[in-house]
């Protein structure tokens, strides 16, 4: 087990090394739609690349989720057959969001031998998510 401080340092190291391996500016929060962000997440069990729809207004969250849901076949074709769409995704913080994501299981941020495969997973899938956003953002935000 790691102390809280050790765990924090390992997480920081992961993101620093990822940034050095793939030194580019990712779209992430810069979608121009405050309710929709692209995210990387990595914890003790899995790594994910996702579109997160976060807002206190249920109707807006539902509206955007339905837009993504209508593009499900394109998401699967252009990103991965393994894309999951969860309208009510419970974050570890207890907050419910909508999440469209791909996931790599069996990896742990505290295990540095897992880092190279997660780096590659993130790079491959975030590029696909970004391209998808650029291609369909007008439809999603209309």
N, C-alpha and C. Protein backbone atom coordinates (compact mmCIF):
# COMPACT_ATOMS: atom_id res chain seq x y z
N UNK A 1 0.84 -1.20 0.00
CA UNK A 1 0.00 0.00 0.00
C UNK A 1 0.88 1.25 0.00
N UNK A 2 0.32 2.28 -0.53
CA UNK A 2 1.02 3.56 -0.60
C UNK A 2 0.33 4.55 0.32
N UNK A 3 1.13 5.42 0.90
CA UNK A 3 0.54 6.50 1.70
C UNK A 3 -0.17 7.45 0.74
N UNK A 4 -0.96 8.33 1.29
CA UNK A 4 -1.68 9.32 0.48
C UNK A 4 -0.70 10.18 -0.32
N UNK A 5 0.37 10.58 0.32
CA UNK A 5 1.38 11.41 -0.34
C UNK A 5 2.11 10.65 -1.43
N UNK A 6 2.46 9.38 -1.15
CA UNK A 6 3.13 8.56 -2.16
C UNK A 6 2.22 8.36 -3.38
N UNK A 7 0.95 8.08 -3.12
CA UNK A 7 -0.02 7.89 -4.19
C UNK A 7 -0.16 9.16 -5.03
N UNK A 8 -0.23 10.29 -4.37
CA UNK A 8 -0.33 11.57 -5.08
C UNK A 8 0.89 11.79 -5.97
N UNK A 9 2.08 11.48 -5.46
CA UNK A 9 3.31 11.65 -6.23
C UNK A 9 3.34 10.72 -7.44
N UNK A 10 2.89 9.48 -7.27
CA UNK A 10 2.84 8.52 -8.38
C UNK A 10 1.90 9.04 -9.46
N UNK A 11 0.74 9.55 -9.07
CA UNK A 11 -0.22 10.10 -10.04
C UNK A 11 0.40 11.28 -10.80
N UNK A 12 1.05 12.17 -10.07
CA UNK A 12 1.71 13.31 -10.72
C UNK A 12 2.79 12.84 -11.69
N UNK A 13 3.57 11.86 -11.28
CA UNK A 13 4.63 11.32 -12.14
C UNK A 13 4.04 10.73 -13.41
N UNK A 14 2.94 10.00 -13.27
CA UNK A 14 2.30 9.41 -14.45
C UNK A 14 1.97 10.50 -15.47
N UNK A 15 1.29 11.55 -15.02
CA UNK A 15 0.86 12.60 -15.96
C UNK A 15 2.03 13.37 -16.53
N UNK A 16 3.10 13.56 -15.75
CA UNK A 16 4.30 14.22 -16.26
C UNK A 16 4.94 13.36 -17.35
N UNK A 17 5.09 12.06 -17.09
CA UNK A 17 5.70 11.17 -18.09
C UNK A 17 4.82 11.04 -19.33
N UNK A 18 3.51 11.02 -19.14
CA UNK A 18 2.61 10.96 -20.30
C UNK A 18 2.79 12.21 -21.16
N UNK A 19 2.84 13.36 -20.53
CA UNK A 19 3.03 14.61 -21.26
C UNK A 19 4.36 14.67 -22.00
N UNK A 20 5.39 14.05 -21.43
CA UNK A 20 6.69 14.01 -22.11
C UNK A 20 6.67 13.03 -23.28
N UNK A 21 5.95 11.94 -23.12
CA UNK A 21 5.90 10.94 -24.20
C UNK A 21 5.04 11.43 -25.36
N UNK A 22 3.96 12.14 -25.05
CA UNK A 22 3.06 12.66 -26.08
C UNK A 22 2.88 14.16 -25.86
N UNK A 23 3.90 14.93 -26.23
CA UNK A 23 3.88 16.37 -25.96
C UNK A 23 3.02 17.14 -26.97
N UNK A 24 1.74 17.14 -26.75
CA UNK A 24 0.85 17.92 -27.60
C UNK A 24 -0.28 18.47 -26.76
N UNK A 25 -0.96 19.45 -27.30
CA UNK A 25 -2.09 20.05 -26.59
C UNK A 25 -3.34 19.27 -26.96
N UNK A 26 -3.93 18.64 -25.97
CA UNK A 26 -5.15 17.87 -26.18
C UNK A 26 -6.36 18.79 -26.08
N UNK A 27 -7.43 18.44 -26.71
CA UNK A 27 -8.65 19.25 -26.72
C UNK A 27 -9.23 19.37 -25.31
N UNK A 28 -9.44 18.29 -24.63
CA UNK A 28 -9.94 18.20 -23.26
C UNK A 28 -11.08 19.17 -22.95
N UNK A 29 -10.83 20.23 -22.19
CA UNK A 29 -11.89 21.15 -21.78
C UNK A 29 -12.22 22.20 -22.83
N UNK A 30 -11.49 22.22 -23.92
CA UNK A 30 -11.63 23.27 -24.91
C UNK A 30 -12.63 22.92 -26.02
N UNK A 31 -13.73 22.26 -25.65
CA UNK A 31 -14.75 21.88 -26.65
C UNK A 31 -15.63 23.06 -27.04
N UNK A 32 -15.53 24.15 -26.32
CA UNK A 32 -16.38 25.34 -26.52
C UNK A 32 -17.82 25.10 -26.05
N UNK A 33 -18.04 23.98 -25.38
CA UNK A 33 -19.35 23.66 -24.78
C UNK A 33 -19.06 23.33 -23.33
N UNK A 34 -19.50 24.22 -22.42
CA UNK A 34 -19.08 24.06 -21.02
C UNK A 34 -19.56 22.76 -20.39
N UNK A 35 -20.61 22.16 -20.93
CA UNK A 35 -21.14 20.92 -20.34
C UNK A 35 -20.43 19.66 -20.85
N UNK A 36 -19.63 19.77 -21.90
CA UNK A 36 -18.99 18.59 -22.51
C UNK A 36 -17.48 18.75 -22.48
N UNK A 37 -16.82 17.75 -21.89
CA UNK A 37 -15.36 17.73 -21.83
C UNK A 37 -14.85 16.37 -22.29
N UNK A 38 -13.66 16.37 -22.83
CA UNK A 38 -12.96 15.12 -23.10
C UNK A 38 -12.04 14.89 -21.91
N UNK A 39 -11.96 13.63 -21.48
CA UNK A 39 -11.18 13.36 -20.28
C UNK A 39 -10.35 12.10 -20.41
N UNK A 40 -9.20 12.13 -19.75
CA UNK A 40 -8.40 10.95 -19.47
C UNK A 40 -8.65 10.63 -18.00
N UNK A 41 -8.80 9.38 -17.65
CA UNK A 41 -8.82 9.02 -16.23
C UNK A 41 -8.12 7.67 -16.05
N UNK A 42 -7.43 7.54 -14.94
CA UNK A 42 -6.65 6.34 -14.66
C UNK A 42 -6.62 6.17 -13.15
N UNK A 43 -7.04 5.00 -12.68
CA UNK A 43 -7.05 4.75 -11.25
C UNK A 43 -6.44 3.38 -10.96
N UNK A 44 -6.86 2.75 -9.89
CA UNK A 44 -6.28 1.48 -9.46
C UNK A 44 -6.84 0.27 -10.22
N UNK A 45 -7.85 0.48 -11.06
CA UNK A 45 -8.48 -0.65 -11.73
C UNK A 45 -8.61 -0.50 -13.24
N UNK A 46 -8.60 0.76 -13.73
CA UNK A 46 -8.89 0.97 -15.15
C UNK A 46 -8.38 2.32 -15.62
N UNK A 47 -8.30 2.41 -16.95
CA UNK A 47 -8.01 3.68 -17.61
C UNK A 47 -9.16 3.95 -18.57
N UNK A 48 -9.56 5.21 -18.68
CA UNK A 48 -10.66 5.58 -19.57
C UNK A 48 -10.32 6.84 -20.35
N UNK A 49 -10.86 6.90 -21.57
CA UNK A 49 -10.93 8.12 -22.35
C UNK A 49 -12.41 8.35 -22.56
N UNK A 50 -12.87 9.59 -22.32
CA UNK A 50 -14.32 9.79 -22.33
C UNK A 50 -14.74 11.19 -22.76
N UNK A 51 -15.98 11.24 -23.21
CA UNK A 51 -16.74 12.48 -23.28
C UNK A 51 -17.54 12.50 -21.99
N UNK A 52 -17.38 13.51 -21.17
CA UNK A 52 -18.17 13.66 -19.96
C UNK A 52 -19.14 14.81 -20.14
N UNK A 53 -20.40 14.54 -19.86
CA UNK A 53 -21.44 15.56 -19.91
C UNK A 53 -21.80 15.86 -18.47
N UNK A 54 -21.41 17.05 -18.02
CA UNK A 54 -21.59 17.44 -16.62
C UNK A 54 -22.35 18.74 -16.53
N UNK A 55 -23.51 18.70 -15.90
CA UNK A 55 -24.28 19.90 -15.64
C UNK A 55 -25.31 19.59 -14.55
N UNK A 56 -25.72 20.61 -13.84
CA UNK A 56 -26.75 20.42 -12.82
C UNK A 56 -28.13 20.34 -13.46
N UNK A 57 -28.24 20.77 -14.70
CA UNK A 57 -29.52 20.77 -15.40
C UNK A 57 -29.71 19.42 -16.10
N UNK A 58 -30.61 18.61 -15.55
CA UNK A 58 -30.85 17.27 -16.08
C UNK A 58 -31.30 17.30 -17.54
N UNK A 59 -32.09 18.30 -17.91
CA UNK A 59 -32.60 18.37 -19.28
C UNK A 59 -31.46 18.61 -20.28
N UNK A 60 -30.51 19.46 -19.92
CA UNK A 60 -29.37 19.71 -20.80
C UNK A 60 -28.50 18.47 -20.92
N UNK A 61 -28.28 17.81 -19.79
CA UNK A 61 -27.47 16.58 -19.80
C UNK A 61 -28.14 15.52 -20.67
N UNK A 62 -29.44 15.37 -20.51
CA UNK A 62 -30.19 14.40 -21.30
C UNK A 62 -30.16 14.76 -22.78
N UNK A 63 -30.30 16.03 -23.09
CA UNK A 63 -30.28 16.50 -24.48
C UNK A 63 -28.97 16.11 -25.16
N UNK A 64 -27.84 16.44 -24.53
CA UNK A 64 -26.54 16.11 -25.13
C UNK A 64 -26.32 14.60 -25.19
N UNK A 65 -26.74 13.89 -24.16
CA UNK A 65 -26.56 12.44 -24.18
C UNK A 65 -27.34 11.82 -25.34
N UNK A 66 -28.55 12.27 -25.56
CA UNK A 66 -29.36 11.74 -26.67
C UNK A 66 -28.70 12.03 -28.02
N UNK A 67 -28.02 13.16 -28.14
CA UNK A 67 -27.28 13.46 -29.38
C UNK A 67 -26.18 12.41 -29.59
N UNK A 68 -25.41 12.14 -28.55
CA UNK A 68 -24.37 11.12 -28.66
C UNK A 68 -24.98 9.75 -28.93
N UNK A 69 -26.07 9.45 -28.26
CA UNK A 69 -26.72 8.16 -28.44
C UNK A 69 -27.16 7.96 -29.89
N UNK A 70 -27.63 9.03 -30.52
CA UNK A 70 -28.05 8.93 -31.92
C UNK A 70 -26.86 8.69 -32.85
N UNK A 71 -25.66 8.96 -32.36
CA UNK A 71 -24.44 8.74 -33.14
C UNK A 71 -23.72 7.44 -32.73
N UNK A 72 -24.40 6.58 -32.00
CA UNK A 72 -23.78 5.39 -31.43
C UNK A 72 -23.08 4.53 -32.49
N UNK A 73 -23.73 4.30 -33.62
CA UNK A 73 -23.11 3.47 -34.65
C UNK A 73 -21.83 4.12 -35.18
N UNK A 74 -21.85 5.44 -35.33
CA UNK A 74 -20.64 6.15 -35.78
C UNK A 74 -19.55 6.11 -34.71
N UNK A 75 -19.94 6.25 -33.44
CA UNK A 75 -18.97 6.16 -32.35
C UNK A 75 -18.26 4.81 -32.40
N UNK A 76 -19.05 3.75 -32.58
CA UNK A 76 -18.48 2.40 -32.62
C UNK A 76 -17.59 2.21 -33.85
N UNK A 77 -17.99 2.77 -34.96
CA UNK A 77 -17.21 2.61 -36.19
C UNK A 77 -15.94 3.46 -36.19
N UNK A 78 -16.01 4.66 -35.65
CA UNK A 78 -14.88 5.58 -35.74
C UNK A 78 -13.96 5.58 -34.53
N UNK A 79 -14.48 5.16 -33.37
CA UNK A 79 -13.64 5.14 -32.17
C UNK A 79 -13.31 3.71 -31.78
N UNK A 80 -14.35 2.93 -31.46
CA UNK A 80 -14.13 1.54 -31.04
C UNK A 80 -15.47 0.84 -30.88
N UNK A 81 -15.49 -0.43 -31.22
CA UNK A 81 -16.70 -1.24 -30.98
C UNK A 81 -17.00 -1.30 -29.48
N UNK A 82 -16.00 -1.04 -28.67
CA UNK A 82 -16.14 -1.15 -27.22
C UNK A 82 -16.62 0.14 -26.55
N UNK A 83 -17.05 1.13 -27.33
CA UNK A 83 -17.54 2.37 -26.73
C UNK A 83 -18.77 2.07 -25.87
N UNK A 84 -18.78 2.62 -24.67
CA UNK A 84 -19.93 2.50 -23.77
C UNK A 84 -20.58 3.86 -23.61
N UNK A 85 -21.90 3.87 -23.55
CA UNK A 85 -22.66 5.09 -23.32
C UNK A 85 -23.48 4.90 -22.05
N UNK A 86 -23.19 5.68 -21.04
CA UNK A 86 -23.90 5.59 -19.75
C UNK A 86 -24.54 6.93 -19.45
N UNK A 87 -25.86 6.95 -19.45
CA UNK A 87 -26.56 8.21 -19.18
C UNK A 87 -26.40 8.63 -17.73
N UNK A 88 -26.37 7.66 -16.83
CA UNK A 88 -26.22 7.96 -15.41
C UNK A 88 -24.99 7.23 -14.88
N UNK A 89 -23.84 7.87 -15.07
CA UNK A 89 -22.57 7.30 -14.66
C UNK A 89 -22.19 7.91 -13.31
N UNK A 90 -21.95 7.05 -12.33
CA UNK A 90 -21.60 7.51 -10.99
C UNK A 90 -20.08 7.63 -10.88
N UNK A 91 -19.62 8.87 -10.70
CA UNK A 91 -18.19 9.11 -10.50
C UNK A 91 -17.80 8.74 -9.08
N UNK A 92 -16.53 8.53 -8.84
CA UNK A 92 -16.05 8.16 -7.51
C UNK A 92 -16.37 9.24 -6.49
N UNK A 93 -16.57 10.49 -6.95
CA UNK A 93 -16.92 11.59 -6.06
C UNK A 93 -18.37 11.53 -5.61
N UNK A 94 -19.15 10.64 -6.23
CA UNK A 94 -20.57 10.55 -5.91
C UNK A 94 -21.46 11.34 -6.86
N UNK A 95 -20.85 12.09 -7.75
CA UNK A 95 -21.60 12.90 -8.71
C UNK A 95 -22.05 12.04 -9.88
N UNK A 96 -23.27 12.24 -10.32
CA UNK A 96 -23.78 11.53 -11.49
C UNK A 96 -23.63 12.42 -12.72
N UNK A 97 -23.01 11.85 -13.74
CA UNK A 97 -22.80 12.53 -15.02
C UNK A 97 -23.25 11.58 -16.12
N UNK A 98 -23.18 12.02 -17.36
CA UNK A 98 -23.31 11.11 -18.49
C UNK A 98 -21.92 10.95 -19.08
N UNK A 99 -21.59 9.71 -19.45
CA UNK A 99 -20.23 9.45 -19.95
C UNK A 99 -20.29 8.52 -21.15
N UNK A 100 -19.55 8.90 -22.17
CA UNK A 100 -19.36 8.10 -23.37
C UNK A 100 -17.87 7.76 -23.34
N UNK A 101 -17.51 6.47 -23.28
CA UNK A 101 -16.12 6.15 -22.99
C UNK A 101 -15.65 4.82 -23.56
N UNK A 102 -14.33 4.70 -23.63
CA UNK A 102 -13.66 3.43 -23.84
C UNK A 102 -12.80 3.20 -22.61
N UNK A 103 -12.59 1.93 -22.32
CA UNK A 103 -11.95 1.59 -21.05
C UNK A 103 -10.94 0.47 -21.25
N UNK A 104 -9.85 0.57 -20.51
CA UNK A 104 -8.85 -0.50 -20.44
C UNK A 104 -8.83 -0.97 -19.00
N UNK A 105 -9.21 -2.21 -18.79
CA UNK A 105 -9.24 -2.76 -17.43
C UNK A 105 -7.97 -3.54 -17.15
N UNK A 106 -7.77 -3.89 -15.88
CA UNK A 106 -6.62 -4.69 -15.50
C UNK A 106 -5.33 -3.89 -15.42
N UNK A 107 -5.45 -2.56 -15.34
CA UNK A 107 -4.28 -1.70 -15.19
C UNK A 107 -4.42 -0.90 -13.90
N UNK A 108 -3.30 -0.53 -13.35
CA UNK A 108 -3.28 0.17 -12.07
C UNK A 108 -2.25 1.30 -12.14
N UNK A 109 -2.68 2.51 -11.83
CA UNK A 109 -1.78 3.66 -11.91
C UNK A 109 -0.56 3.51 -11.00
N UNK A 110 -0.69 2.73 -9.94
CA UNK A 110 0.44 2.54 -9.02
C UNK A 110 1.47 1.53 -9.53
N UNK A 111 1.11 0.81 -10.60
CA UNK A 111 2.02 -0.17 -11.17
C UNK A 111 2.67 0.43 -12.41
N UNK A 112 3.91 0.87 -12.28
CA UNK A 112 4.59 1.58 -13.37
C UNK A 112 4.80 0.71 -14.60
N UNK A 113 4.75 -0.61 -14.46
CA UNK A 113 4.87 -1.47 -15.64
C UNK A 113 3.63 -1.37 -16.53
N UNK A 114 2.51 -0.87 -16.00
CA UNK A 114 1.29 -0.68 -16.78
C UNK A 114 1.30 0.64 -17.56
N UNK A 115 2.15 1.55 -17.17
CA UNK A 115 2.12 2.89 -17.75
C UNK A 115 2.30 2.91 -19.27
N UNK A 116 3.28 2.20 -19.86
CA UNK A 116 3.44 2.29 -21.31
C UNK A 116 2.19 1.90 -22.09
N UNK A 117 1.50 0.83 -21.66
CA UNK A 117 0.30 0.43 -22.39
C UNK A 117 -0.84 1.43 -22.20
N UNK A 118 -0.89 2.09 -21.05
CA UNK A 118 -1.92 3.12 -20.83
C UNK A 118 -1.57 4.37 -21.64
N UNK A 119 -0.31 4.74 -21.69
CA UNK A 119 0.11 5.86 -22.54
C UNK A 119 -0.38 5.65 -23.97
N UNK A 120 -0.12 4.45 -24.51
CA UNK A 120 -0.52 4.15 -25.89
C UNK A 120 -2.05 4.14 -26.03
N UNK A 121 -2.73 3.56 -25.07
CA UNK A 121 -4.20 3.53 -25.06
C UNK A 121 -4.76 4.95 -25.08
N UNK A 122 -4.25 5.80 -24.20
CA UNK A 122 -4.70 7.19 -24.16
C UNK A 122 -4.44 7.90 -25.48
N UNK A 123 -3.24 7.79 -26.00
CA UNK A 123 -2.89 8.48 -27.22
C UNK A 123 -3.79 8.04 -28.38
N UNK A 124 -3.94 6.75 -28.56
CA UNK A 124 -4.75 6.23 -29.66
C UNK A 124 -6.21 6.68 -29.55
N UNK A 125 -6.78 6.51 -28.38
CA UNK A 125 -8.21 6.78 -28.24
C UNK A 125 -8.54 8.27 -28.12
N UNK A 126 -7.69 9.04 -27.48
CA UNK A 126 -7.99 10.47 -27.40
C UNK A 126 -7.95 11.10 -28.79
N UNK A 127 -7.04 10.65 -29.62
CA UNK A 127 -7.02 11.18 -30.99
C UNK A 127 -8.33 10.86 -31.70
N UNK A 128 -8.83 9.66 -31.53
CA UNK A 128 -10.10 9.27 -32.16
C UNK A 128 -11.26 10.09 -31.59
N UNK A 129 -11.26 10.30 -30.27
CA UNK A 129 -12.32 11.11 -29.65
C UNK A 129 -12.28 12.54 -30.18
N UNK A 130 -11.08 13.10 -30.28
CA UNK A 130 -10.95 14.46 -30.78
C UNK A 130 -11.44 14.57 -32.23
N UNK A 131 -11.03 13.65 -33.08
CA UNK A 131 -11.48 13.67 -34.47
C UNK A 131 -13.00 13.54 -34.56
N UNK A 132 -13.56 12.69 -33.72
CA UNK A 132 -15.01 12.52 -33.70
C UNK A 132 -15.68 13.84 -33.31
N UNK A 133 -15.15 14.49 -32.29
CA UNK A 133 -15.71 15.77 -31.84
C UNK A 133 -15.67 16.81 -32.96
N UNK A 134 -14.52 16.93 -33.60
CA UNK A 134 -14.39 17.92 -34.68
C UNK A 134 -15.37 17.63 -35.82
N UNK A 135 -15.57 16.36 -36.11
CA UNK A 135 -16.45 15.97 -37.21
C UNK A 135 -17.94 16.21 -36.89
N UNK A 136 -18.35 15.96 -35.65
CA UNK A 136 -19.78 15.96 -35.32
C UNK A 136 -20.20 17.02 -34.31
N UNK A 137 -19.30 17.92 -33.94
CA UNK A 137 -19.65 18.92 -32.92
C UNK A 137 -20.81 19.80 -33.33
N UNK A 138 -20.92 20.13 -34.61
CA UNK A 138 -22.05 20.98 -35.04
C UNK A 138 -23.38 20.28 -34.81
N UNK A 139 -23.42 18.97 -35.09
CA UNK A 139 -24.64 18.22 -34.84
C UNK A 139 -24.93 18.10 -33.35
N UNK A 140 -23.90 17.78 -32.57
CA UNK A 140 -24.08 17.58 -31.13
C UNK A 140 -24.54 18.87 -30.44
N UNK A 141 -24.03 19.99 -30.88
CA UNK A 141 -24.34 21.25 -30.20
C UNK A 141 -25.53 22.01 -30.80
N UNK A 142 -26.10 21.49 -31.90
CA UNK A 142 -27.23 22.18 -32.54
C UNK A 142 -28.52 22.07 -31.74
